[in-house]
């Protein structure tokens, strides 16, 4: 193998290693952001339940409170669905045109 080819292979290996390290650090930060976001959605749902309990104790009809809770939870479900879609997209393999050349 010529010195030129060895140098090219070494630089490609170094670039590949750096790309792998960047993707690992991104996936760790994405994962922790996902956990934080999930925790906040759970907390929001719990607070909706606490508020519903207070409304019932104040004399609101349980059916009215249930309708209110459903209306409050729809945005939470949309946010959770959006988070899930983002996670699916981030897990899809990306095309690497620059490494093929």
Protein backbone atom coordinates (compact mmCIF):
# COMPACT_ATOMS: atom_id res chain seq x y z
CA UNK A 1 0.00 0.00 0.00
CA UNK A 2 1.37 3.41 -0.89
CA UNK A 3 2.01 6.15 1.68
CA UNK A 4 -0.68 8.28 0.04
CA UNK A 5 -3.34 5.59 0.55
CA UNK A 6 -2.26 4.98 4.16
CA UNK A 7 -2.54 8.71 4.90
CA UNK A 8 -5.98 8.87 3.32
CA UNK A 9 -7.20 5.86 5.30
CA UNK A 10 -5.87 7.32 8.56
CA UNK A 11 -7.58 10.66 7.95
CA UNK A 12 -10.86 8.95 7.02
CA UNK A 13 -10.65 6.86 10.19
CA UNK A 14 -10.02 9.97 12.30
CA UNK A 15 -12.95 11.78 10.68
CA UNK A 16 -15.18 8.76 11.26
CA UNK A 17 -14.13 8.60 14.93
CA UNK A 18 -14.90 12.31 15.43
CA UNK A 19 -18.30 11.91 13.75
CA UNK A 20 -19.10 8.94 15.99
CA UNK A 21 -18.15 10.91 19.12
CA UNK A 22 -20.34 13.85 18.02
CA UNK A 23 -23.31 11.57 17.35
CA UNK A 24 -22.89 9.90 20.76
CA UNK A 25 -22.82 13.23 22.57
CA UNK A 26 -25.86 14.39 20.58
CA UNK A 27 -27.80 11.23 21.38
CA UNK A 28 -27.03 11.57 25.12
CA UNK A 29 -28.20 15.19 25.16
CA UNK A 30 -31.27 14.32 23.07
CA UNK A 31 -32.09 11.46 25.42
CA UNK A 32 -31.80 13.62 28.54
CA UNK A 33 -33.87 16.36 26.88
CA UNK A 34 -36.48 13.73 26.02
CA UNK A 35 -36.58 12.53 29.63
CA UNK A 36 -36.97 16.09 30.89
CA UNK A 37 -39.74 16.76 28.38
CA UNK A 38 -41.54 13.53 29.33
CA UNK A 39 -41.26 14.43 33.02
CA UNK A 40 -42.77 17.85 32.36
CA UNK A 41 -45.67 16.30 30.41
CA UNK A 42 -46.34 13.90 33.29
CA UNK A 43 -46.20 16.78 35.77
CA UNK A 44 -48.63 18.78 33.63
CA UNK A 45 -51.05 15.83 33.58
CA UNK A 46 -50.82 15.44 37.37
CA UNK A 47 -51.56 19.14 37.84
CA UNK A 48 -54.61 18.82 35.59
CA UNK A 49 -55.85 16.02 37.85
CA UNK A 50 -55.26 18.06 41.00
CA UNK A 51 -57.10 21.02 39.48
CA UNK A 52 -59.97 18.71 38.50
CA UNK A 53 -60.20 17.41 42.08
CA UNK A 54 -60.37 21.00 43.34
CA UNK A 55 -63.13 21.83 40.86
CA UNK A 56 -65.19 18.85 42.03
CA UNK A 57 -64.72 19.87 45.68
CA UNK A 58 -65.90 23.37 44.79
CA UNK A 59 -69.17 21.93 43.52
CA UNK A 60 -68.69 21.53 39.76
CA UNK A 61 -70.47 18.57 38.22
CA UNK A 62 -68.20 15.54 37.63
CA UNK A 63 -69.31 15.42 33.98
CA UNK A 64 -68.32 19.06 33.46
CA UNK A 65 -64.97 18.42 35.15
CA UNK A 66 -64.40 15.35 32.99
CA UNK A 67 -65.10 17.36 29.83
CA UNK A 68 -62.76 20.08 31.08
CA UNK A 69 -60.04 17.49 31.80
CA UNK A 70 -60.34 16.01 28.32
CA UNK A 71 -60.00 19.48 26.80
CA UNK A 72 -56.93 20.13 28.97
CA UNK A 73 -55.28 16.81 28.12
CA UNK A 74 -55.61 17.08 24.32
CA UNK A 75 -52.65 19.54 24.01
CA UNK A 76 -50.59 17.30 26.32
CA UNK A 77 -51.28 14.31 24.08
CA UNK A 78 -50.37 16.35 21.00
CA UNK A 79 -47.08 17.37 22.62
CA UNK A 80 -46.30 13.76 23.55
CA UNK A 81 -47.08 12.62 20.02
CA UNK A 82 -44.84 15.34 18.59
CA UNK A 83 -42.01 14.26 20.89
CA UNK A 84 -42.43 10.66 19.79
CA UNK A 85 -42.29 11.66 16.11
CA UNK A 86 -39.11 13.67 16.70
CA UNK A 87 -37.51 10.68 18.41
CA UNK A 88 -38.45 8.40 15.51
CA UNK A 89 -36.94 10.85 13.01
CA UNK A 90 -33.72 11.14 15.00
CA UNK A 91 -33.35 7.34 15.05
CA UNK A 92 -33.65 7.00 11.28
CA UNK A 93 -30.32 6.41 9.51
CA UNK A 94 -28.99 9.46 7.74
CA UNK A 95 -27.49 9.39 4.24
CA UNK A 96 -23.75 9.93 4.21
CA UNK A 97 -22.81 11.15 0.76
CA UNK A 98 -19.53 12.72 1.89
CA UNK A 99 -18.19 9.47 3.40
CA UNK A 100 -19.00 7.44 0.26
CA UNK A 101 -16.70 9.54 -1.91
